[in-house]
Structures are given as C-alpha cells and as structure tokens.
Amino acid sequence: MQKQAKNQLCGVEGHFVNKIEVQEYIDRVKLSNPQGVVLCVDTEENAREKVKTDGAFNVYFDIGEKVYVDFLGKGFDMGAITKGKENHESWIINWDDVLFVTPEKMNRYRDHLISDKDYLESAKRRLQHLLSIGYKPEYIKGKIPKVYKSMSLSIKEMLLNEIMIPIYCKKTSLQQNGLSSFGVQGMIIEGELCPIEINRRERFASKSVYDIQEGNER
C-alpha cells in the first residue's frame, strides 16, 4: 500500500536572476531540498518589485502570547527586514488584544519608530545596496523617500484583516500541529498585500530584541 505523503511547511523564496544564473539557482534549491520546486517566470525588462514597493512586513506569531509586526517603508523589500538588517517601525500586540485592535488604535502597541536621522542612514544603505546588485542610478532615483512615512491605515487594515486575525483564529489548529510560532513575510505592491514567505523559522527565530546584526551583508 502506497504511503501517503506527509504535509510539510516549506519556504518560498522570490529572487531575480539572469537567465544564465537559472541552473545555478536550481542546483542550490535541490541541494537544500531534493524535492524542491523552482518556478521560473520571464519578467519584463525592468520589472523590479524590489524597488516598486509600498513597504515590506514581517508578522511573527508567538502563539497564545504575542504578535510582533515589523515594517519597512516605501522602496524597501522584505529581504532587509526578515534578515534583521533594517527595521523602521515595530508593534508588539498581546495575543488576547488582537480582536480589539483597529487600524486607528494600532499605534498604541507601537514598540519602535525610527528617528529621521537613522532613517536617512537606512535609506542611504538601501540605495547603496541597489547599486551594488546592478540597478542603474537613473532607475532608482527618487524611488526611496528621504523622510520615513509611518505605516498607513490602509496597510494596517490589510495586515489585521488578511494576516493577524485569520492566524489568530487558527490558534488551536496550529498548536495541534505542533507549532508554537508562525510567521508571514512579504511586501505591499501596488496597494496589495503580497505574502511571499510563510513559516520560514530562520526568518523570525529571535524576536526578543531588534538589534541590527553587525557584519551581515546588506
């Protein structure tokens, strides 16, 4: 009798590569997981979601205890936030408060808001990173704001209604499946929430502090 496949939570990674790099990328995925699947999409020239974003988010659930929300502003992608390199704004919400939170009241739970000075340094690092991976100066010019604008009410509403509350309602199911923590990471593109990675533990293993990891490549 054929055994039924065991359901597993797998990471999903989005990555831009040149066509000549595709085989190398496939080899890397297969080395990590022989059953891994690579979906290749031939994007249009200059289709750069890494820049054309309204922000990036990382929502981490310490099941039954806390919900942590990290956010980066316009022009940033999720790589910097999920690897602990940048963080513009954070909230810590008690589990039992989730159903009482509204977009207008969410800032009551805000734990961190970057200063104008620190944000400017963050923006400079972002521009330097984009240049280092091949973006042309004329393409990224004006894409990264010089002053940080706090998360909008519309994005807060999306995170609450599309991620936080649905996962909150799955508490029992998650615990029955042996999960004490759960995370959703992604970006906001053209006004829509775009989750890209789900439950990749290495992305949110430590949430006790928000320290920038020194020596990490940005």
Protein backbone atom coordinates (compact mmCIF):
# COMPACT_ATOMS: atom_id res chain seq x y z
CA MET A 1 0.00 0.00 0.00
CA GLN A 2 1.40 3.35 -1.00
CA LYS A 3 2.20 5.64 1.89
CA GLN A 4 0.51 8.99 1.98
CA ALA A 5 2.83 11.95 1.66
CA LYS A 6 3.36 13.89 4.87
CA ASN A 7 2.37 17.52 4.64
CA GLN A 8 5.30 19.83 5.26
CA LEU A 9 5.58 23.59 5.59
CA CYS A 10 8.13 24.73 3.03
CA GLY A 11 9.78 28.07 2.49
CA VAL A 12 9.11 30.02 -0.66
CA GLU A 13 11.75 32.42 -1.93
CA GLY A 14 11.42 35.07 -4.61
CA HIS A 15 14.61 36.01 -6.40
CA PHE A 16 15.60 37.87 -9.56
CA VAL A 17 18.29 36.17 -11.62
CA ASN A 18 19.68 36.49 -15.12
CA LYS A 19 18.88 33.62 -17.46
CA ILE A 20 22.44 32.33 -17.30
CA GLU A 21 22.07 32.01 -13.50
CA VAL A 22 18.91 29.87 -13.54
CA GLN A 23 20.68 26.47 -13.49
CA GLU A 24 22.88 27.55 -10.60
CA TYR A 25 19.75 28.63 -8.70
CA ILE A 26 18.06 25.28 -9.40
CA ASP A 27 21.14 23.42 -8.16
CA ARG A 28 21.11 25.45 -4.94
CA VAL A 29 17.44 24.65 -4.30
CA LYS A 30 17.95 20.94 -4.99
CA LEU A 31 20.91 20.85 -2.63
CA SER A 32 18.73 22.28 0.11
CA ASN A 33 15.73 20.06 -0.69
CA PRO A 34 15.85 17.34 -3.39
CA GLN A 35 12.07 17.67 -3.74
CA GLY A 36 12.23 21.44 -4.07
CA VAL A 37 10.45 23.07 -6.97
CA VAL A 38 11.68 26.13 -8.86
CA LEU A 39 9.14 28.22 -10.72
CA CYS A 40 10.78 30.45 -13.34
CA VAL A 41 8.95 33.46 -14.74
CA ASP A 42 10.39 35.51 -17.59
CA THR A 43 9.75 39.02 -16.28
CA GLU A 44 9.52 42.12 -18.37
CA GLU A 45 12.59 44.28 -18.68
CA ASN A 46 12.93 46.50 -15.58
CA ALA A 47 10.20 44.59 -13.71
CA ARG A 48 11.71 45.34 -10.34
CA GLU A 49 9.47 44.55 -7.39
CA LYS A 50 12.48 45.12 -5.13
CA VAL A 51 12.06 48.85 -5.73
CA LYS A 52 8.41 49.27 -6.70
CA THR A 53 7.00 48.58 -3.26
CA ASP A 54 4.88 50.44 -0.74
CA GLY A 55 6.83 48.70 2.00
CA ALA A 56 7.74 45.31 3.47
CA PHE A 57 6.38 43.48 6.51
CA ASN A 58 7.26 40.64 8.85
CA VAL A 59 4.46 39.38 11.10
CA TYR A 60 5.54 36.87 13.74
CA PHE A 61 3.13 34.99 15.99
CA ASP A 62 4.26 33.66 19.36
CA ILE A 63 1.15 31.50 19.55
CA GLY A 64 -1.03 32.41 22.53
CA GLU A 65 1.40 35.06 23.75
CA LYS A 66 2.33 37.93 21.40
CA VAL A 67 2.09 39.14 17.82
CA TYR A 68 5.11 41.07 16.53
CA VAL A 69 4.88 43.30 13.46
CA ASP A 70 7.95 44.79 11.75
CA PHE A 71 7.72 47.20 8.84
CA LEU A 72 9.96 48.89 6.29
CA GLY A 73 8.88 51.91 4.28
CA LYS A 74 8.37 52.63 0.61
CA GLY A 75 11.01 51.32 -1.78
CA PHE A 76 12.28 48.59 0.56
CA ASP A 77 11.79 44.87 0.03
CA MET A 78 11.38 42.08 2.55
CA GLY A 79 14.97 40.80 2.40
CA ALA A 80 16.33 43.50 4.69
CA ILE A 81 13.60 43.17 7.31
CA THR A 82 13.46 39.37 7.51
CA LYS A 83 17.24 39.09 7.86
CA GLY A 84 17.29 41.59 10.71
CA LYS A 85 19.22 44.22 8.78
CA GLU A 86 16.70 47.06 8.78
CA ASN A 87 13.60 47.94 10.79
CA HIS A 88 11.68 51.21 10.54
CA GLU A 89 8.68 50.54 12.73
CA SER A 90 7.52 47.77 15.09
CA TRP A 91 4.48 46.80 17.13
CA ILE A 92 4.04 44.20 19.89
CA ILE A 93 0.44 43.13 20.47
CA ASN A 94 -0.73 40.89 23.30
CA TRP A 95 -2.43 37.79 21.91
CA ASP A 96 -5.67 38.47 23.80
CA ASP A 97 -5.82 42.01 22.39
CA VAL A 98 -5.74 41.06 18.70
CA LEU A 99 -9.52 41.18 18.20
CA PHE A 100 -9.68 44.60 19.86
CA VAL A 101 -7.06 46.24 17.63
CA THR A 102 -8.22 48.62 14.91
CA PRO A 103 -6.01 50.40 12.35
CA GLU A 104 -6.65 53.69 14.15
CA LYS A 105 -5.60 52.27 17.54
CA MET A 106 -2.72 50.05 16.41
CA ASN A 107 -0.07 52.62 17.34
CA ARG A 108 -0.95 52.11 20.99
CA TYR A 109 1.10 48.94 20.63
CA ARG A 110 4.00 50.53 18.78
CA ASP A 111 7.33 49.49 20.23
CA HIS A 112 9.74 51.18 17.83
CA LEU A 113 9.72 54.12 15.40
CA ILE A 114 12.92 55.00 13.59
CA SER A 115 14.28 58.53 14.01
CA ASP A 116 14.64 60.82 11.00
CA LYS A 117 18.44 60.61 11.30
CA ASP A 118 18.52 56.81 11.47
CA TYR A 119 16.03 56.51 8.63
CA LEU A 120 18.20 58.66 6.39
CA GLU A 121 21.12 56.31 7.05
CA SER A 122 18.84 53.37 6.31
CA ALA A 123 17.79 54.94 3.00
CA LYS A 124 21.43 55.52 2.05
CA ARG A 125 22.25 51.86 2.78
CA ARG A 126 19.29 50.82 0.65
CA LEU A 127 20.45 52.89 -2.31
CA GLN A 128 24.00 51.58 -1.98
CA HIS A 129 22.69 48.01 -1.90
CA LEU A 130 20.57 48.50 -5.02
CA LEU A 131 23.54 49.96 -6.87
CA SER A 132 25.73 47.04 -5.75
CA ILE A 133 23.35 44.46 -7.26
CA GLY A 134 23.14 46.16 -10.63
CA TYR A 135 20.40 48.77 -10.53
CA LYS A 136 21.14 51.83 -12.63
CA PRO A 137 21.18 55.18 -10.80
CA GLU A 138 18.60 56.67 -13.16
CA TYR A 139 16.18 53.83 -12.40
CA ILE A 140 16.31 54.08 -8.59
CA LYS A 141 16.48 57.88 -8.45
CA GLY A 142 13.54 59.15 -6.39
CA LYS A 143 12.31 55.66 -5.50
CA ILE A 144 13.46 55.79 -1.86
CA PRO A 145 11.89 58.65 0.16
CA LYS A 146 14.27 60.87 2.11
CA VAL A 147 11.87 61.02 5.08
CA TYR A 148 10.14 58.00 6.57
CA LYS A 149 6.36 57.94 6.43
CA SER A 150 4.71 55.74 9.06
CA MET A 151 2.63 52.74 8.02
CA SER A 152 -0.66 53.91 6.55
CA LEU A 153 -4.07 52.99 7.93
CA SER A 154 -4.84 51.02 4.76
CA ILE A 155 -1.78 48.80 5.21
CA LYS A 156 -2.57 48.32 8.90
CA GLU A 157 -6.10 47.26 7.93
CA MET A 158 -4.75 44.73 5.42
CA LEU A 159 -2.30 43.23 7.91
CA LEU A 160 -5.02 42.94 10.54
CA ASN A 161 -7.76 41.51 8.33
CA GLU A 162 -5.68 39.35 6.00
CA ILE A 163 -2.96 38.03 8.31
CA MET A 164 -3.29 38.72 12.02
CA ILE A 165 -6.94 37.88 12.62
CA PRO A 166 -7.02 34.77 10.34
CA ILE A 167 -3.92 33.32 12.04
CA TYR A 168 -5.28 34.27 15.47
CA CYS A 169 -8.39 32.22 14.68
CA LYS A 170 -6.19 29.22 13.77
CA LYS A 171 -4.58 29.03 17.24
CA THR A 172 -5.95 25.59 18.12
CA SER A 173 -5.15 24.12 14.72
CA LEU A 174 -1.60 25.47 14.80
CA GLN A 175 -0.95 24.10 18.27
CA GLN A 176 -2.39 20.71 17.33
CA ASN A 177 0.17 20.62 14.53
CA GLY A 178 2.98 21.29 16.97
CA LEU A 179 3.53 24.94 16.09
CA SER A 180 4.37 27.33 18.90
CA SER A 181 5.29 30.11 16.48
CA PHE A 182 4.34 31.15 12.97
CA GLY A 183 5.43 33.89 10.61
CA VAL A 184 4.32 35.60 7.42
CA GLN A 185 6.61 37.89 5.44
CA GLY A 186 6.07 39.86 2.26
CA MET A 187 5.68 43.21 0.56
CA ILE A 188 2.98 45.69 -0.36
CA ILE A 189 2.94 46.17 -4.14
CA GLU A 190 0.51 48.46 -5.98
CA GLY A 191 -1.65 48.74 -2.87
CA GLU A 192 -1.99 44.98 -2.37
CA LEU A 193 -0.62 42.68 0.31
CA CYS A 194 1.80 40.18 -1.25
CA PRO A 195 2.88 37.47 1.23
CA ILE A 196 5.99 35.76 -0.13
CA GLU A 197 7.31 33.55 2.66
CA ILE A 198 5.37 31.58 5.24
CA ASN A 199 6.79 29.96 8.36
CA ARG A 200 10.47 30.04 7.45
CA ARG A 201 11.72 29.72 11.01
CA GLU A 202 15.14 31.22 10.31
CA ARG A 203 13.40 34.47 9.41
CA PHE A 204 11.94 35.05 12.85
CA ALA A 205 13.68 32.72 15.28
CA SER A 206 14.68 35.54 17.63
CA LYS A 207 12.29 38.37 18.37
CA SER A 208 13.41 39.34 21.88
CA VAL A 209 15.44 42.25 20.51
CA TYR A 210 15.50 44.30 17.35
CA ASP A 211 19.27 44.71 17.11
CA ILE A 212 20.84 45.19 13.69
CA GLN A 213 23.22 42.31 13.16
CA GLU A 214 26.66 43.77 12.68
CA GLY A 215 28.76 42.32 9.90
CA ASN A 216 25.78 40.99 7.92
CA GLU A 217 25.74 41.81 4.24
CA ARG A 218 23.03 44.34 3.45
